[in-house]
Amino acid sequence: MIIEQTQNIEKLDKKSFEILFKQYFSALCQFARKYVRDLDTSKEIVHDCFVSFWDKRDTIDLSKPVKTYLFTTVHNKCLNHIRNNKKFDQNVENFELLDLSYHYNASDSLVEQEISSQINTAIESLPEKCKEIFKMSRFEEMKYKDIAEKLNLSIKTVEAQMSKALQVMRTSLSEYISALIYFIFFLTK
């Protein structure tokens, strides 16, 4: 019987692979269909498993039952498929809930100006050296190492000053966080 021939094979050549494929394909498809409930998807998953099996043939321990390996691989790929589809379905559902008819209007401009003013006020409230380091990092997009070299400071000092600046910014802007997120989401489209 073919099962006995392929159960513990020593080397997987094309002939053995064809035998395995013919022997297990339909059983694996039926097994996969119990999870994904769609014949075409089941076939695709099983096909992917066989491709993966062939690609990994040199690293797979063929002294162990091949049947177990194949069914385990199909099972795992089915679970991955279900998990990925749930994420996709949830993302589609969330996307459909968004109000995509958003239009920028004058009141948005006023809110944007208010937020911008608060950010500038928070920056100006920083100690002088802290403010300078913050501006170099955020507006000039300099790396901490470059800032340290330019100002003759240690990198640790730059990191500490940035940490202090960010803490002040977070505290100063805490009441505006939801509005900031709103504007970042809609104004960057």
Protein backbone atom coordinates (compact mmCIF):
# COMPACT_ATOMS: atom_id res chain seq x y z
CA MET A 1 0.00 0.00 0.00
CA ILE A 2 1.20 3.53 -0.79
CA ILE A 3 0.73 4.79 2.78
CA GLU A 4 3.20 2.22 4.05
CA GLN A 5 5.66 3.15 1.29
CA THR A 6 5.60 6.85 2.12
CA GLN A 7 5.09 6.69 5.85
CA ASN A 8 8.80 6.65 6.64
CA ILE A 9 10.73 7.61 3.54
CA GLU A 10 14.43 8.34 3.68
CA LYS A 11 14.78 10.81 0.81
CA LEU A 12 12.06 12.84 -0.82
CA ASP A 13 12.52 12.78 -4.58
CA LYS A 14 10.00 13.84 -7.23
CA LYS A 15 8.51 10.36 -7.48
CA SER A 16 7.92 10.11 -3.70
CA PHE A 17 6.52 13.63 -3.67
CA GLU A 18 4.04 12.80 -6.45
CA ILE A 19 2.93 9.72 -4.55
CA LEU A 20 2.45 11.77 -1.37
CA PHE A 21 0.54 14.44 -3.27
CA LYS A 22 -1.82 11.96 -4.94
CA GLN A 23 -2.31 10.02 -1.75
CA TYR A 24 -3.03 12.88 0.66
CA PHE A 25 -4.32 15.81 -1.40
CA SER A 26 -8.05 15.04 -1.27
CA ALA A 27 -7.96 13.93 2.39
CA LEU A 28 -6.09 17.11 3.34
CA CYS A 29 -8.60 19.21 1.37
CA GLN A 30 -11.50 17.61 3.24
CA PHE A 31 -9.65 18.17 6.51
CA ALA A 32 -9.01 21.85 5.66
CA ARG A 33 -12.59 22.36 4.54
CA LYS A 34 -13.80 21.55 8.06
CA TYR A 35 -12.00 24.70 9.19
CA VAL A 36 -12.34 27.16 6.30
CA ARG A 37 -15.68 25.92 4.89
CA ASP A 38 -14.71 26.69 1.30
CA LEU A 39 -13.42 24.13 -1.19
CA ASP A 40 -11.30 26.54 -3.24
CA THR A 41 -9.66 27.99 -0.15
CA SER A 42 -9.08 24.48 1.18
CA LYS A 43 -7.36 23.46 -2.04
CA GLU A 44 -5.24 26.60 -1.98
CA ILE A 45 -4.15 25.95 1.61
CA VAL A 46 -3.28 22.32 0.87
CA HIS A 47 -1.42 23.33 -2.27
CA ASP A 48 0.58 25.89 -0.24
CA CYS A 49 1.39 23.17 2.29
CA PHE A 50 2.74 20.88 -0.39
CA VAL A 51 4.81 23.70 -1.90
CA SER A 52 6.19 24.50 1.54
CA PHE A 53 6.85 20.80 2.16
CA TRP A 54 8.78 20.52 -1.12
CA ASP A 55 10.78 23.68 -0.38
CA LYS A 56 11.72 22.40 3.09
CA ARG A 57 12.31 18.79 2.05
CA ASP A 58 16.01 18.94 2.94
CA THR A 59 15.35 20.13 6.49
CA ILE A 60 12.32 17.99 7.36
CA ASP A 61 12.94 14.91 9.48
CA LEU A 62 11.66 12.21 7.13
CA SER A 63 12.16 9.46 9.70
CA LYS A 64 8.93 10.66 11.34
CA PRO A 65 5.49 10.03 9.77
CA VAL A 66 4.95 12.38 6.83
CA LYS A 67 1.18 12.14 7.24
CA THR A 68 1.38 13.74 10.69
CA TYR A 69 3.57 16.54 9.36
CA LEU A 70 1.19 17.27 6.46
CA PHE A 71 -1.97 17.29 8.58
CA THR A 72 -0.33 19.47 11.24
CA THR A 73 0.87 21.93 8.59
CA VAL A 74 -2.59 22.12 7.00
CA HIS A 75 -4.18 22.60 10.42
CA ASN A 76 -1.81 25.48 11.25
CA LYS A 77 -2.30 27.14 7.85
CA CYS A 78 -6.08 26.91 8.27
CA LEU A 79 -5.86 28.59 11.67
CA ASN A 80 -3.64 31.32 10.20
CA HIS A 81 -6.13 31.82 7.38
CA ILE A 82 -9.03 32.13 9.82
CA ARG A 83 -7.06 34.52 12.05
CA ASN A 84 -6.04 36.71 9.09
CA ASN A 85 -9.60 36.80 7.75
CA LYS A 86 -10.95 37.84 11.14
CA LYS A 87 -8.46 40.73 11.22
CA PHE A 88 -9.35 41.68 7.66
CA ASP A 89 -13.10 41.50 8.34
CA GLN A 90 -12.68 43.61 11.49
CA ASN A 91 -10.61 46.20 9.59
CA VAL A 92 -13.21 46.37 6.81
CA GLU A 93 -15.96 46.77 9.39
CA ASN A 94 -14.04 49.56 11.16
CA PHE A 95 -13.32 51.25 7.82
CA GLU A 96 -17.01 51.16 6.89
CA LEU A 97 -17.88 52.87 10.17
CA LEU A 98 -15.65 55.85 9.36
CA ASP A 99 -17.34 58.93 8.05
CA LEU A 100 -15.54 59.25 4.74
CA SER A 101 -17.60 62.26 3.74
CA TYR A 102 -15.41 64.47 5.92
CA HIS A 103 -14.87 67.99 4.59
CA TYR A 104 -12.43 70.49 6.02
CA ASN A 105 -14.26 73.62 7.15
CA ALA A 106 -13.63 76.96 8.86
CA SER A 107 -14.20 75.66 12.39
CA ASP A 108 -11.52 73.02 11.75
CA SER A 109 -9.14 75.83 10.85
CA LEU A 110 -9.86 77.56 14.16
CA VAL A 111 -9.25 74.36 16.12
CA GLU A 112 -6.06 73.75 14.15
CA GLN A 113 -4.84 77.29 14.98
CA GLU A 114 -5.66 76.75 18.66
CA ILE A 115 -3.72 73.48 18.76
CA SER A 116 -0.79 75.06 16.93
CA SER A 117 -0.79 77.94 19.40
CA GLN A 118 -0.79 75.52 22.35
CA ILE A 119 2.11 73.55 20.87
CA ASN A 120 4.13 76.76 20.41
CA THR A 121 3.31 77.87 23.96
CA ALA A 122 4.42 74.48 25.32
CA ILE A 123 7.69 74.67 23.36
CA GLU A 124 8.37 78.22 24.53
CA SER A 125 7.79 77.17 28.16
CA LEU A 126 10.75 74.78 27.99
CA PRO A 127 14.07 75.78 29.56
CA GLU A 128 16.39 77.37 26.96
CA LYS A 129 18.78 74.42 26.42
CA CYS A 130 15.90 71.93 26.48
CA LYS A 131 13.99 74.02 23.91
CA GLU A 132 17.05 74.22 21.65
CA ILE A 133 17.58 70.45 21.77
CA PHE A 134 13.88 69.79 21.17
CA LYS A 135 13.78 72.06 18.11
CA MET A 136 16.95 70.51 16.67
CA SER A 137 15.50 67.03 17.11
CA ARG A 138 11.93 67.63 15.99
CA PHE A 139 12.12 70.49 13.49
CA GLU A 140 15.60 70.01 12.03
CA GLU A 141 15.31 66.20 12.34
CA MET A 142 18.80 65.87 13.80
CA LYS A 143 19.89 62.69 15.56
CA TYR A 144 20.81 62.81 19.23
CA LYS A 145 24.44 62.07 18.36
CA ASP A 146 24.59 65.03 15.96
CA ILE A 147 22.93 67.35 18.49
CA ALA A 148 25.42 66.26 21.16
CA GLU A 149 28.36 66.96 18.85
CA LYS A 150 27.02 70.35 17.74
CA LEU A 151 26.32 71.53 21.31
CA ASN A 152 29.37 69.83 22.91
CA LEU A 153 27.15 67.72 25.17
CA SER A 154 27.05 64.02 25.96
CA ILE A 155 24.42 61.90 24.22
CA LYS A 156 23.00 61.06 27.68
CA THR A 157 22.46 64.77 28.35
CA VAL A 158 20.64 65.17 25.03
CA GLU A 159 18.48 62.12 25.82
CA ALA A 160 17.66 63.48 29.29
CA GLN A 161 16.75 66.91 27.88
CA MET A 162 14.54 65.35 25.20
CA SER A 163 12.84 63.18 27.81
CA LYS A 164 12.17 66.29 29.90
CA ALA A 165 10.89 68.21 26.84
CA LEU A 166 8.55 65.41 25.80
CA GLN A 167 7.19 65.11 29.34
CA VAL A 168 6.44 68.85 29.42
CA MET A 169 4.82 68.64 25.98
CA ARG A 170 2.67 65.67 27.02
CA THR A 171 1.52 67.45 30.17
CA SER A 172 0.85 70.76 28.40
CA LEU A 173 -1.04 69.18 25.52
CA SER A 174 -2.90 66.41 27.35
CA GLU A 175 -6.31 68.06 26.89
CA TYR A 176 -5.67 68.42 23.14
CA ILE A 177 -4.56 64.84 22.43
CA SER A 178 -7.88 63.66 20.97
CA ALA A 179 -8.11 66.73 18.73
CA LEU A 180 -4.50 66.19 17.59
CA ILE A 181 -5.24 62.60 16.66
CA TYR A 182 -8.34 63.70 14.77
CA PHE A 183 -6.39 66.28 12.77
CA ILE A 184 -3.46 63.99 12.09
CA PHE A 185 -5.85 61.35 10.76
CA PHE A 186 -7.95 63.61 8.53
CA LEU A 187 -5.44 66.26 7.49
CA THR A 188 -2.72 63.87 6.39
CA LYS A 189 -4.93 62.16 3.80
